[in-house]
Amino acid sequence: MNKRKVGGRYEEAAALWLQKKGCRLLEKNFRIRSGEIDLIMEDGSTIVFVEVKFRGGKGYGSGEEHVGRRKQERIIRVARYFLLRYGLSDRYCRFDVISIDGQGRITHYENAFEITQE
């Protein structure tokens, strides 16, 4: 199975898991030239931008360890575009990471990172 299909399967699992927790799916794989956000959810009045990471084994580290500063900056840039495009700039937002391990266990890192002032 190719990487995109595998990623899609885990993104779907993460979306369903978040929906069971009461979130509403707004968008999957929102993409612009400078990057992509796996899931955009709504948790009450909060817009949640979610990066989904799969790690097949312990030797690969946890998913949140693989969302470094450059990846965060890319996600933030795409999130700002999304908020502007849909007139949601006044809404509170947060950035979460969902890590799924080889056993299918989901770990949710709420507020995994924040927008820093430029």
Protein backbone atom coordinates (compact mmCIF):
# COMPACT_ATOMS: atom_id res chain seq x y z
CA MET A 1 0.00 0.00 0.00
CA ASN A 2 1.42 3.43 -0.89
CA LYS A 3 2.15 6.14 1.67
CA ARG A 4 -0.81 8.32 0.69
CA LYS A 5 -3.29 5.46 1.11
CA VAL A 6 -1.79 4.48 4.46
CA GLY A 7 -1.87 8.09 5.61
CA GLY A 8 -5.46 8.45 4.47
CA ARG A 9 -6.46 5.41 6.49
CA TYR A 10 -4.95 6.83 9.67
CA GLU A 11 -6.35 10.30 9.02
CA GLU A 12 -9.79 8.72 8.69
CA ALA A 13 -9.31 6.88 11.99
CA ALA A 14 -8.23 10.11 13.69
CA ALA A 15 -11.21 12.02 12.27
CA LEU A 16 -13.66 9.36 13.50
CA TRP A 17 -11.98 9.32 16.92
CA LEU A 18 -12.28 13.11 17.23
CA GLN A 19 -15.89 13.03 16.03
CA LYS A 20 -16.70 10.53 18.78
CA LYS A 21 -15.25 13.09 21.22
CA GLY A 22 -17.73 15.67 19.91
CA CYS A 23 -15.71 17.45 17.21
CA ARG A 24 -17.15 18.22 13.79
CA LEU A 25 -15.11 17.64 10.64
CA LEU A 26 -14.77 20.77 8.51
CA GLU A 27 -12.11 19.69 6.02
CA LYS A 28 -9.72 16.85 5.21
CA ASN A 29 -6.38 17.36 3.50
CA PHE A 30 -6.74 21.10 3.06
CA ARG A 31 -3.92 21.97 0.70
CA ILE A 32 -2.36 25.09 -0.73
CA ARG A 33 0.95 25.46 -2.51
CA SER A 34 2.93 26.00 0.71
CA GLY A 35 1.54 23.04 2.65
CA GLU A 36 -1.31 20.88 3.84
CA ILE A 37 -3.31 20.30 7.00
CA ASP A 38 -4.54 16.74 7.54
CA LEU A 39 -7.75 17.55 9.39
CA ILE A 40 -9.60 20.72 10.26
CA MET A 41 -12.15 20.17 12.98
CA GLU A 42 -14.50 22.30 15.03
CA ASP A 43 -14.57 21.69 18.78
CA GLY A 44 -17.38 23.89 20.07
CA SER A 45 -16.42 27.36 18.85
CA THR A 46 -12.73 26.44 18.44
CA ILE A 47 -11.21 25.65 15.05
CA VAL A 48 -8.75 22.76 15.46
CA PHE A 49 -5.96 22.13 12.96
CA VAL A 50 -4.79 18.53 13.30
CA GLU A 51 -1.59 16.88 12.12
CA VAL A 52 -1.91 13.08 12.06
CA LYS A 53 1.24 10.99 12.48
CA PHE A 54 1.60 7.23 12.28
CA ARG A 55 4.55 5.45 13.83
CA GLY A 56 4.92 1.75 13.12
CA GLY A 57 7.31 0.90 15.93
CA LYS A 58 9.02 2.23 19.02
CA GLY A 59 12.26 2.85 17.14
CA TYR A 60 10.64 5.59 15.09
CA GLY A 61 9.75 7.82 18.05
CA SER A 62 6.34 9.24 18.77
CA GLY A 63 4.29 11.16 16.23
CA GLU A 64 4.52 14.49 18.02
CA GLU A 65 8.32 14.30 17.94
CA HIS A 66 8.09 14.47 14.16
CA VAL A 67 6.25 17.78 14.02
CA GLY A 68 9.26 20.05 14.20
CA ARG A 69 9.46 23.81 13.98
CA ARG A 70 9.49 23.93 10.16
CA LYS A 71 6.44 21.67 9.93
CA GLN A 72 4.67 23.78 12.56
CA GLU A 73 5.41 26.95 10.61
CA ARG A 74 4.03 25.38 7.43
CA ILE A 75 0.84 24.26 9.23
CA ILE A 76 0.40 27.72 10.77
CA ARG A 77 0.80 29.38 7.34
CA VAL A 78 -1.87 27.11 5.84
CA ALA A 79 -4.14 27.63 8.87
CA ARG A 80 -3.92 31.42 8.50
CA TYR A 81 -4.90 31.10 4.86
CA PHE A 82 -7.85 28.83 5.74
CA LEU A 83 -9.09 31.26 8.42
CA LEU A 84 -8.86 34.23 6.03
CA ARG A 85 -10.42 32.37 3.11
CA TYR A 86 -13.48 31.35 5.12
CA GLY A 87 -13.83 34.54 7.17
CA LEU A 88 -12.96 32.79 10.43
CA SER A 89 -10.05 34.97 11.54
CA ASP A 90 -11.94 36.04 14.65
CA ARG A 91 -12.30 32.43 15.88
CA TYR A 92 -10.06 30.90 18.50
CA CYS A 93 -7.95 28.10 17.07
CA ARG A 94 -5.55 25.46 18.30
CA PHE A 95 -3.06 23.04 16.83
CA ASP A 96 -3.27 19.39 17.81
CA VAL A 97 -1.25 16.31 16.92
CA ILE A 98 -2.79 12.85 16.76
CA SER A 99 -0.24 10.06 16.99
CA ILE A 100 -1.25 6.53 16.02
CA ASP A 101 1.09 3.66 16.82
CA GLY A 102 1.52 0.27 15.17
CA GLN A 103 -1.12 -1.23 17.47
CA GLY A 104 -3.69 1.38 16.44
CA ARG A 105 -3.50 3.24 19.76
CA ILE A 106 -4.34 6.92 19.44
CA THR A 107 -2.61 9.58 21.51
CA HIS A 108 -4.06 13.08 21.27
CA TYR A 109 -1.76 16.03 21.96
CA GLU A 110 -4.12 18.96 22.38
CA ASN A 111 -2.50 22.39 21.92
CA ALA A 112 0.68 20.67 20.74
CA PHE A 113 2.06 24.02 19.54
CA GLU A 114 1.00 27.65 19.24
CA ILE A 115 1.32 30.51 16.83
CA THR A 116 4.35 32.59 17.69
CA GLN A 117 4.40 36.31 17.02
CA GLU A 118 6.24 37.22 13.85
